[in-house]
Protein backbone atom coordinates (compact mmCIF):
# COMPACT_ATOMS: atom_id res chain seq x y z
CA MET A 1 0.13 0.10 -0.04
CA THR A 2 1.17 3.15 -0.62
CA ALA A 3 0.05 6.56 0.15
CA SER A 4 0.13 8.48 -2.66
CA ARG A 5 -2.70 10.63 -4.16
CA HIS A 6 -2.21 12.83 -6.77
CA ARG A 7 -5.52 15.38 -5.64
CA VAL A 8 -6.47 16.10 -1.83
CA TYR A 9 -9.74 17.40 -0.98
CA GLY A 10 -11.17 19.16 2.42
CA VAL A 11 -15.30 19.53 2.92
CA ASP A 12 -16.35 21.64 5.26
CA PHE A 13 -19.64 19.38 5.62
CA SER A 14 -23.29 20.54 6.43
CA GLY A 15 -26.63 19.07 7.29
CA ALA A 16 -28.46 21.94 6.53
CA ARG A 17 -31.56 22.33 4.18
CA ASP A 18 -29.25 24.83 1.99
CA ALA A 19 -26.03 22.52 2.43
CA GLY A 20 -24.96 23.74 -1.30
CA GLU A 21 -24.62 27.41 0.65
CA LYS A 22 -23.20 25.74 3.28
CA ILE A 23 -20.61 23.04 2.00
CA TRP A 24 -17.49 24.28 1.11
CA ILE A 25 -14.88 22.07 -0.92
CA ALA A 26 -11.13 23.47 -1.40
CA SER A 27 -9.24 21.23 -3.93
CA GLY A 28 -5.29 21.03 -4.04
CA VAL A 29 -3.03 18.76 -5.51
CA VAL A 30 0.22 17.01 -4.08
CA GLU A 31 3.62 18.23 -4.67
CA ALA A 32 6.31 17.05 -3.08
CA ASP A 33 6.40 17.69 -0.08
CA THR A 34 3.75 20.27 -0.31
CA LEU A 35 -0.29 20.89 -0.97
CA ARG A 36 -1.26 23.68 -3.40
CA ILE A 37 -4.60 24.93 -3.21
CA ASP A 38 -6.09 25.47 -6.75
CA ALA A 39 -9.53 26.23 -6.26
CA CYS A 40 -12.35 26.76 -3.47
CA GLN A 41 -16.02 26.43 -4.12
CA GLN A 42 -19.40 25.89 -2.29
CA ALA A 43 -21.05 22.70 -2.92
CA GLU A 44 -23.66 24.01 -5.15
CA ASP A 45 -21.34 24.84 -8.07
CA LEU A 46 -20.69 21.00 -8.70
CA PRO A 47 -22.09 19.35 -11.95
CA ARG A 48 -25.74 18.99 -11.36
CA SER A 49 -25.79 20.56 -7.64
CA GLY A 50 -27.69 23.31 -5.96
CA LYS A 51 -28.75 24.14 -2.58
CA ARG A 52 -31.18 22.12 -1.57
CA ARG A 53 -29.12 19.30 0.43
CA ASP A 54 -30.46 16.28 -0.85
CA GLN A 55 -29.43 17.64 -4.63
CA CYS A 56 -26.37 19.01 -3.63
CA LEU A 57 -25.48 15.77 -1.30
CA ARG A 58 -25.99 13.50 -4.21
CA ALA A 59 -23.68 15.77 -6.55
CA LEU A 60 -21.02 15.47 -4.04
CA ARG A 61 -21.60 11.62 -3.43
CA ASP A 62 -20.76 11.47 -6.97
CA PHE A 63 -17.96 14.03 -7.64
CA ILE A 64 -16.38 12.04 -4.70
CA ALA A 65 -16.76 8.21 -6.91
CA ASN A 66 -15.41 9.34 -9.54
CA GLU A 67 -12.08 10.96 -8.19
CA THR A 68 -10.22 8.14 -8.36
CA ASP A 69 -6.86 9.25 -7.10
CA ALA A 70 -7.71 11.91 -4.52
CA ALA A 71 -8.43 11.51 -0.74
CA PHE A 72 -10.95 13.48 0.93
CA GLY A 73 -10.97 14.71 4.35
CA LEU A 74 -14.87 15.27 5.51
CA ASP A 75 -15.34 17.37 8.52
CA PHE A 76 -18.77 15.35 10.57
CA PRO A 77 -18.40 11.77 12.46
CA PHE A 78 -18.02 8.85 10.71
CA GLY A 79 -19.37 6.75 13.71
CA LEU A 80 -20.52 6.45 17.36
CA PRO A 81 -19.00 5.73 20.71
CA ARG A 82 -18.84 1.76 20.46
CA THR A 83 -21.59 1.31 23.11
CA LEU A 84 -23.92 2.84 20.91
CA VAL A 85 -22.87 1.09 17.82
CA GLY A 86 -24.90 -2.25 17.92
CA HIS A 87 -22.41 -4.53 15.32
CA PRO A 88 -19.45 -5.65 16.12
CA ARG A 89 -18.02 -3.98 12.50
CA TRP A 90 -18.18 -0.69 11.15
CA GLU A 91 -19.46 -1.36 7.74
CA ASP A 92 -22.31 -2.99 9.45
CA PHE A 93 -23.38 -0.08 11.39
CA VAL A 94 -22.79 2.06 7.81
CA LEU A 95 -25.07 -0.63 5.95
CA SER A 96 -27.61 -0.31 8.63
CA PHE A 97 -27.86 3.32 9.49
CA PRO A 98 -30.74 4.23 7.39
CA ASP A 99 -33.28 1.10 8.55
CA ASN A 100 -32.21 2.28 12.12
CA TYR A 101 -32.63 5.76 11.60
CA ALA A 102 -35.86 7.30 9.74
CA ASP A 103 -34.15 10.66 10.31
CA PRO A 104 -32.20 13.25 12.75
CA GLY A 105 -34.70 13.48 15.25
CA THR A 106 -34.62 10.47 15.72
CA PHE A 107 -30.82 9.47 15.56
CA ARG A 108 -30.46 12.05 18.22
CA GLN A 109 -33.19 10.80 20.37
CA LEU A 110 -32.24 7.17 20.39
CA ASN A 111 -28.59 7.70 20.93
CA ARG A 112 -29.76 9.82 23.89
CA GLN A 113 -31.90 7.17 25.45
CA ALA A 114 -29.41 4.78 24.82
CA SER A 115 -26.72 6.47 26.84
CA LYS A 116 -29.61 7.67 29.58
CA GLY A 117 -29.07 11.50 28.38
CA HIS A 118 -25.42 11.25 28.47
CA GLU A 119 -23.50 13.09 25.17
CA LEU A 120 -20.66 10.47 25.04
CA LYS A 121 -17.75 10.74 23.34
CA ARG A 122 -15.34 8.24 21.33
CA VAL A 123 -12.08 7.44 22.19
CA THR A 124 -11.36 9.66 19.03
CA ASP A 125 -12.81 12.53 20.40
CA GLU A 126 -11.23 12.84 23.37
CA GLU A 127 -7.65 12.26 21.99
CA SER A 128 -8.40 14.76 19.01
CA ARG A 129 -10.09 17.41 21.03
CA THR A 130 -13.06 17.48 19.02
CA PRO A 131 -15.81 19.86 20.40
CA PHE A 132 -18.80 17.72 20.22
CA SER A 133 -20.58 14.39 21.02
CA PRO A 134 -21.77 13.11 17.56
CA TYR A 135 -25.11 13.25 18.41
CA ASN A 136 -24.82 16.89 19.98
CA LEU A 137 -27.49 19.55 19.51
CA ARG A 138 -25.04 21.16 17.30
CA LEU A 139 -24.06 18.17 15.18
CA TYR A 140 -26.37 15.53 15.06
CA ARG A 141 -27.73 16.63 11.81
CA GLN A 142 -24.23 16.75 10.19
CA THR A 143 -23.59 13.41 11.45
CA TYR A 144 -26.70 12.07 10.66
CA PHE A 145 -27.02 13.49 6.77
CA GLY A 146 -22.70 12.74 6.37
CA ILE A 147 -23.74 8.91 7.14
CA ARG A 148 -26.46 8.36 5.30
CA ASP A 149 -26.20 10.52 2.49
CA LEU A 150 -22.88 9.97 1.57
CA LEU A 151 -20.89 7.08 3.30
CA HIS A 152 -23.97 4.65 3.31
CA PRO A 153 -24.37 4.82 -0.81
CA LEU A 154 -20.58 4.71 -1.03
CA VAL A 155 -19.46 2.03 0.98
CA ARG A 156 -22.68 0.13 -0.07
CA ASP A 157 -21.42 0.21 -3.67
CA CYS A 158 -17.89 -0.24 -2.90
CA ALA A 159 -17.28 3.07 -4.50
CA ALA A 160 -14.83 4.27 -1.47
CA CYS A 161 -12.88 3.41 0.80
CA VAL A 162 -13.60 4.43 4.22
CA LEU A 163 -10.22 5.13 7.03
CA PRO A 164 -9.15 3.57 8.90
CA MET A 165 -11.95 1.00 9.08
CA GLN A 166 -11.21 0.05 5.57
CA GLU A 167 -8.36 -0.44 3.61
CA PRO A 168 -7.04 2.24 1.10
CA LEU A 169 -7.53 -0.07 -2.30
CA PRO A 170 -6.11 1.62 -5.58
CA ASN A 171 -8.25 3.18 -8.12
CA ARG A 172 -10.66 4.52 -5.25
CA PRO A 173 -10.93 7.33 -3.48
CA TRP A 174 -10.20 7.63 0.13
CA LEU A 175 -12.31 9.35 2.97
CA LEU A 176 -10.88 10.26 5.98
CA GLU A 177 -12.78 12.40 8.81
CA ILE A 178 -11.23 15.37 9.82
CA CYS A 179 -12.17 18.12 12.17
CA PRO A 180 -10.66 21.77 11.55
CA ALA A 181 -11.05 22.73 14.99
CA SER A 182 -8.79 19.95 16.20
CA THR A 183 -6.03 20.86 13.77
CA LEU A 184 -5.87 24.47 14.64
CA LYS A 185 -6.04 23.09 18.51
CA ARG A 186 -2.86 21.12 17.40
CA GLU A 187 -1.09 24.16 15.56
CA LYS A 188 -1.82 26.26 18.36
CA LEU A 189 -3.91 28.47 16.27
CA TYR A 190 -7.17 27.87 17.19
CA ARG A 191 -9.21 31.23 18.16
CA PRO A 192 -12.43 33.00 17.60
CA TYR A 193 -12.26 33.54 13.64
CA LYS A 194 -16.05 33.12 12.59
CA GLY A 195 -17.90 36.48 11.81
CA ARG A 196 -17.94 39.96 9.66
CA ASP A 197 -16.24 42.00 12.09
CA GLU A 198 -12.51 42.86 11.81
CA GLN A 199 -11.14 41.27 14.38
CA ARG A 200 -12.84 38.21 13.13
CA ARG A 201 -11.45 38.51 9.47
CA ALA A 202 -7.73 39.48 11.03
CA ALA A 203 -8.00 36.25 12.36
CA ARG A 204 -9.01 34.01 9.51
CA ARG A 205 -6.14 35.82 7.88
CA HIS A 206 -3.46 35.50 10.99
CA ILE A 207 -4.64 31.25 10.66
CA LEU A 208 -3.80 31.27 6.90
CA GLU A 209 -0.82 33.28 6.68
CA SER A 210 0.51 30.97 9.98
CA LEU A 211 -0.48 27.53 8.16
CA GLU A 212 1.16 28.68 5.03
CA GLY A 213 4.15 29.61 7.00
CA LYS A 214 4.88 26.11 7.88
CA GLY A 215 5.94 25.49 4.36
CA THR A 216 3.50 22.58 3.67
CA LEU A 217 0.61 24.71 2.22
CA ILE A 218 0.46 26.67 -0.94
CA ILE A 219 -2.42 29.27 -2.18
CA PRO A 220 -1.30 31.09 -4.95
CA ASP A 221 -4.17 32.58 -6.53
CA GLN A 222 -4.90 36.01 -4.67
CA ALA A 223 -8.97 35.66 -5.45
CA THR A 224 -8.61 31.89 -3.50
CA ARG A 225 -6.94 33.72 -0.59
CA SER A 226 -9.66 36.71 -0.72
CA VAL A 227 -12.56 34.42 -0.59
CA LEU A 228 -10.58 32.80 2.52
CA VAL A 229 -10.36 35.52 4.79
CA GLU A 230 -13.74 37.29 3.66
CA ASN A 231 -15.90 34.05 3.66
CA ARG A 232 -17.41 35.30 7.48
CA GLY A 233 -18.34 32.11 8.37
CA GLY A 234 -15.48 30.40 8.27
CA ASP A 235 -16.20 27.63 6.27
CA ALA A 236 -14.06 28.18 3.25
CA LEU A 237 -10.66 28.80 5.26
CA ASP A 238 -12.26 24.94 7.37
CA SER A 239 -12.09 23.25 4.08
CA VAL A 240 -8.66 24.53 3.43
CA VAL A 241 -7.52 23.19 6.67
CA ALA A 242 -9.44 20.12 6.23
CA ALA A 243 -7.64 19.52 3.25
CA LEU A 244 -3.76 19.82 4.49
CA ALA A 245 -4.75 18.02 7.50
CA THR A 246 -6.18 15.24 5.24
CA PHE A 247 -2.21 15.54 3.12
CA ARG A 248 -0.34 15.41 6.45
CA ALA A 249 -2.48 11.94 7.30
CA LEU A 250 -1.27 10.79 3.99
CA GLY A 251 2.40 11.60 4.36
CA ASP A 252 2.12 9.23 7.61
CA VAL A 253 1.61 5.62 6.29
CA ALA A 254 1.44 4.41 9.38
CA SER A 255 -1.40 6.25 10.79
CA LEU A 256 -3.59 5.04 7.85
CA THR A 257 -3.10 1.59 8.88
CA VAL A 258 -1.89 1.48 12.51
CA LYS A 259 -4.80 3.62 13.69
CA GLY A 260 -6.87 0.85 12.57
CA ASP A 261 -6.77 -1.37 15.84
CA VAL A 262 -9.79 -2.39 17.36
CA VAL A 263 -11.60 0.23 18.67
CA TYR A 264 -10.91 2.68 16.22
CA ARG A 265 -11.94 0.04 13.62
CA LEU A 266 -15.46 0.15 14.97
CA GLU A 267 -15.84 4.07 16.01
CA GLY A 268 -13.91 6.00 13.23
CA TYR A 269 -10.81 8.33 13.69
CA VAL A 270 -10.29 11.76 13.18
CA TYR A 271 -6.93 12.77 11.20
CA VAL A 272 -5.52 15.83 13.01
């Protein structure tokens, strides 16, 4: 197995009704020890996409399946804490997901009931310092639609490899779970940066310049740089952080396989 991938994508995901406007996708080319970002766009700009969640996620799913020499960093939980999974294998959990949870509300309610009202975290959530449980009020819709509308059909159709729960096979896209907040915490760059005021804009600019200053990220296009700084929700910048975290994970072959021990293979793993 080689960790070589020609292209890397970072996806700042959303389960909102207007997901086409909320989801941002950063695209980069691997050039030796650097990642060159050559585009950053909203998901509604994908072929046959749109603002509506169902149309947008269908287009995103098709886009992923066709990028067979790429790795995608996706910003949503790929699983649940092991006491809530209900299956011995992660693949079984994903394949049965739509049958077990009819809608996002049911997903959150059943898991809160099973955990007696507590919001449990996975081992990887504790280790990588993700902000929320996968079924937290602020995250459960993202988890639900990410698993149901992306992971489920891609796994069902053998159209992608989801790491580290599955082996990274050639000629298929690789999917990695990413958390931009965790990556920024690791880099000691985490600070309030989402908002329209000048202070938050300056924070986005500082984060971007600091990441570039480390020498592994290049963003040559000034128009793209402007989008990353001016996008007040910080979603465009998050997609670039997700792409960078994915690129770094590819550089550590051991992390793609050794992290596939029992607990990570069942719950998922956040690549920081």
